[in-house]
Amino acid sequence: MDVLIILSIIYAAVVVPILAITVSWIILTLVSVDSALSKIADGFKVVDRQTAPMEGHMEANNEGLSAIAGGFRSVEGHLVAADASLGKVADRLGARQPLP
């Protein structure tokens, strides 16, 4: 019985310091990660502050580009219709040539 007690004490004497060192290392790593994340968050705040004046301009750009996109969709529809009509004419004239 005395042997088991002595072995348990030796085991605890080995395991407890290892656990303490491991937990300390984890805490130091978490502190380091916290510091890095704080720097990243500060960087995002700076970017947000510096780009805030552009918000109104970007909304105007988006509206203008949306109008242009609508125009391109309209042009696409007209080109598709013209292609279909010209394809029918080419078929009747026997002038359709295969695409390369």
C-alpha atoms as a PDB file:
ATOM      1  CA  MET A   1       0.000   0.000   0.000  1.00  0.00           C
ATOM      2  CA  ASP A   2       2.824   2.373   0.801  1.00  0.00           C
ATOM      3  CA  VAL A   3       4.241   1.825  -2.684  1.00  0.00           C
ATOM      4  CA  LEU A   4       1.007   2.996  -4.306  1.00  0.00           C
ATOM      5  CA  ILE A   5       0.959   6.157  -2.200  1.00  0.00           C
ATOM      6  CA  ILE A   6       4.574   6.939  -3.055  1.00  0.00           C
ATOM      7  CA  LEU A   7       3.955   6.288  -6.777  1.00  0.00           C
ATOM      8  CA  SER A   8       0.856   8.505  -6.695  1.00  0.00           C
ATOM      9  CA  ILE A   9       2.823  11.328  -5.063  1.00  0.00           C
ATOM     10  CA  ILE A  10       5.614  10.985  -7.653  1.00  0.00           C
ATOM     11  CA  TYR A  11       3.042  10.902 -10.453  1.00  0.00           C
ATOM     12  CA  ALA A  12       1.322  14.039  -9.096  1.00  0.00           C
ATOM     13  CA  ALA A  13       4.716  15.728  -8.681  1.00  0.00           C
ATOM     14  CA  VAL A  14       5.402  15.124 -12.377  1.00  0.00           C
ATOM     15  CA  VAL A  15       1.934  15.783 -13.825  1.00  0.00           C
ATOM     16  CA  VAL A  16       0.985  18.939 -11.881  1.00  0.00           C
ATOM     17  CA  PRO A  17       4.004  21.012 -13.029  1.00  0.00           C
ATOM     18  CA  ILE A  18       3.519  19.846 -16.612  1.00  0.00           C
ATOM     19  CA  LEU A  19      -0.132  20.881 -16.478  1.00  0.00           C
ATOM     20  CA  ALA A  20       0.833  24.229 -14.931  1.00  0.00           C
ATOM     21  CA  ILE A  21       3.383  24.885 -17.670  1.00  0.00           C
ATOM     22  CA  THR A  22       0.891  23.888 -20.376  1.00  0.00           C
ATOM     23  CA  VAL A  23      -1.854  26.115 -18.973  1.00  0.00           C
ATOM     24  CA  SER A  24       0.619  29.016 -18.670  1.00  0.00           C
ATOM     25  CA  TRP A  25       1.665  28.533 -22.292  1.00  0.00           C
ATOM     26  CA  ILE A  26      -1.983  28.512 -23.389  1.00  0.00           C
ATOM     27  CA  ILE A  27      -2.650  31.726 -21.443  1.00  0.00           C
ATOM     28  CA  LEU A  28       0.370  33.449 -23.016  1.00  0.00           C
ATOM     29  CA  THR A  29      -0.745  32.364 -26.478  1.00  0.00           C
ATOM     30  CA  LEU A  30      -4.262  33.676 -25.858  1.00  0.00           C
ATOM     31  CA  VAL A  31      -2.870  37.019 -24.674  1.00  0.00           C
ATOM     32  CA  SER A  32      -0.773  37.224 -27.838  1.00  0.00           C
ATOM     33  CA  VAL A  33      -3.774  36.417 -30.027  1.00  0.00           C
ATOM     34  CA  ASP A  34      -5.859  39.000 -28.160  1.00  0.00           C
ATOM     35  CA  SER A  35      -3.200  41.623 -28.841  1.00  0.00           C
ATOM     36  CA  ALA A  36      -3.090  40.766 -32.549  1.00  0.00           C
ATOM     37  CA  LEU A  37      -6.883  40.820 -32.837  1.00  0.00           C
ATOM     38  CA  SER A  38      -6.999  44.199 -31.078  1.00  0.00           C
ATOM     39  CA  LYS A  39      -4.559  45.611 -33.637  1.00  0.00           C
ATOM     40  CA  ILE A  40      -6.674  44.221 -36.490  1.00  0.00           C
ATOM     41  CA  ALA A  41      -9.846  45.705 -34.966  1.00  0.00           C
ATOM     42  CA  ASP A  42      -8.113  49.079 -34.626  1.00  0.00           C
ATOM     43  CA  GLY A  43      -7.107  48.863 -38.286  1.00  0.00           C
ATOM     44  CA  PHE A  44     -10.713  48.205 -39.313  1.00  0.00           C
ATOM     45  CA  LYS A  45     -11.841  51.208 -37.277  1.00  0.00           C
ATOM     46  CA  VAL A  46      -9.317  53.406 -39.095  1.00  0.00           C
ATOM     47  CA  VAL A  47     -10.470  52.118 -42.489  1.00  0.00           C
ATOM     48  CA  ASP A  48     -14.107  52.689 -41.521  1.00  0.00           C
ATOM     49  CA  ARG A  49     -13.355  56.231 -40.384  1.00  0.00           C
ATOM     50  CA  GLN A  50     -11.338  57.038 -43.520  1.00  0.00           C
ATOM     51  CA  THR A  51     -13.895  55.637 -45.958  1.00  0.00           C
ATOM     52  CA  ALA A  52     -16.988  57.112 -44.261  1.00  0.00           C
ATOM     53  CA  PRO A  53     -16.956  60.285 -46.447  1.00  0.00           C
ATOM     54  CA  MET A  54     -17.163  58.122 -49.581  1.00  0.00           C
ATOM     55  CA  GLU A  55     -20.481  56.541 -48.594  1.00  0.00           C
ATOM     56  CA  GLY A  56     -22.681  59.056 -50.425  1.00  0.00           C
ATOM     57  CA  HIS A  57     -20.484  58.954 -53.505  1.00  0.00           C
ATOM     58  CA  MET A  58     -20.557  55.170 -53.622  1.00  0.00           C
ATOM     59  CA  GLU A  59     -24.347  55.139 -53.445  1.00  0.00           C
ATOM     60  CA  ALA A  60     -24.479  57.573 -56.376  1.00  0.00           C
ATOM     61  CA  ASN A  61     -22.008  55.384 -58.298  1.00  0.00           C
ATOM     62  CA  ASN A  62     -24.112  52.299 -57.611  1.00  0.00           C
ATOM     63  CA  GLU A  63     -27.251  54.022 -58.878  1.00  0.00           C
ATOM     64  CA  GLY A  64     -25.462  55.148 -62.036  1.00  0.00           C
ATOM     65  CA  LEU A  65     -23.985  51.715 -62.657  1.00  0.00           C
ATOM     66  CA  SER A  66     -27.393  50.111 -62.091  1.00  0.00           C
ATOM     67  CA  ALA A  67     -28.832  52.372 -64.791  1.00  0.00           C
ATOM     68  CA  ILE A  68     -25.999  51.422 -67.136  1.00  0.00           C
ATOM     69  CA  ALA A  69     -26.583  47.725 -66.391  1.00  0.00           C
ATOM     70  CA  GLY A  70     -30.257  48.169 -67.281  1.00  0.00           C
ATOM     71  CA  GLY A  71     -29.224  49.779 -70.558  1.00  0.00           C
ATOM     72  CA  PHE A  72     -26.880  46.878 -71.328  1.00  0.00           C
ATOM     73  CA  ARG A  73     -29.706  44.406 -70.675  1.00  0.00           C
ATOM     74  CA  SER A  74     -31.876  46.336 -73.106  1.00  0.00           C
ATOM     75  CA  VAL A  75     -29.111  46.316 -75.734  1.00  0.00           C
ATOM     76  CA  GLU A  76     -28.645  42.595 -75.186  1.00  0.00           C
ATOM     77  CA  GLY A  77     -32.333  42.000 -75.836  1.00  0.00           C
ATOM     78  CA  HIS A  78     -32.203  44.031 -79.046  1.00  0.00           C
ATOM     79  CA  LEU A  79     -29.075  42.203 -80.246  1.00  0.00           C
ATOM     80  CA  VAL A  80     -30.627  38.806 -79.539  1.00  0.00           C
ATOM     81  CA  ALA A  81     -33.743  39.788 -81.492  1.00  0.00           C
ATOM     82  CA  ALA A  82     -31.635  41.162 -84.364  1.00  0.00           C
ATOM     83  CA  ASP A  83     -29.560  37.983 -84.424  1.00  0.00           C
ATOM     84  CA  ALA A  84     -32.689  35.839 -84.606  1.00  0.00           C
ATOM     85  CA  SER A  85     -34.117  37.967 -87.430  1.00  0.00           C
ATOM     86  CA  LEU A  86     -30.864  38.000 -89.379  1.00  0.00           C
ATOM     87  CA  GLY A  87     -30.519  34.255 -88.864  1.00  0.00           C
ATOM     88  CA  LYS A  88     -33.910  33.715 -90.509  1.00  0.00           C
ATOM     89  CA  VAL A  89     -32.911  35.929 -93.445  1.00  0.00           C
ATOM     90  CA  ALA A  90     -29.580  34.121 -93.796  1.00  0.00           C
ATOM     91  CA  ASP A  91     -31.366  30.764 -93.760  1.00  0.00           C
ATOM     92  CA  ARG A  92     -33.742  31.858 -96.531  1.00  0.00           C
ATOM     93  CA  LEU A  93     -30.878  33.165 -98.619  1.00  0.00           C
ATOM     94  CA  GLY A  94     -28.742  30.111 -97.901  1.00  0.00           C
ATOM     95  CA  ALA A  95     -26.026  32.427 -96.685  1.00  0.00           C
ATOM     96  CA  ARG A  96     -25.587  31.097 -93.160  1.00  0.00           C
ATOM     97  CA  GLN A  97     -22.046  29.903 -92.564  1.00  0.00           C
ATOM     98  CA  PRO A  98     -20.972  27.755 -89.667  1.00  0.00           C
ATOM     99  CA  LEU A  99     -19.081  29.407 -86.873  1.00  0.00           C
ATOM    100  CA  PRO A 100     -15.354  28.611 -86.739  1.00  0.00           C
END
